[in-house]
Amino acid sequence: MKILKNILMGIGCLALLLLVFIVYMMGAREEFKERHEDFIKGFVSDFSQNWNVADVSDLLTNEALESLLDEKGKRVLLQFSSFGKLIEIRDFEIGKYSANADGKTVAEFSFKADFENVKSLVKIILHENSDKPAIHFLYIEPISEITAPLKTEV
């Protein structure tokens, strides 16, 4: 009976630790969202001014920069340029979130964006190493547009 009691107490302690960890991660996730919302909104706003990679190259990971500079990336930028400038961002949310002990954090953000010529759903993957955020992935899917439908991914 004493062994069963110890096993149940151990399981209870593990469950409590798991609950504390989940609450901590949810708080960290929301704090990460609040800390990087302006960064992401500024990135999309700056990038949409003329869809020039040089304007935002310091805000991109090396992989994202290389992707935007290759032939496929240039075609995608041409499509992006038809969207026009950013007018409004709404429904800003954080999705997947992962924080490592080595200081690397990865999060997926999604929001609705109204550009001059299209309303779209935007997804961005943000990497942060040692408190330096960088855009790793950008996906823009038009949901209603004035121009022909475009589905683009970088």
Foldseek 3Di string as FASTA:
>chain_A
DVVVVVVVVVVVVVVVVVVVVVVVVVVVQVVVCVVCVVVVVVLLQQCQQQVDCVSCVVQADPQVSVCLPDPLNVVLSVVSNVQHGWDDKDPKDKDDWDADPQQKIKTKIWTWTRHPWFIWIKIWIWIDHPNRIHTYWIWIFTPDGNDDGDGHTD
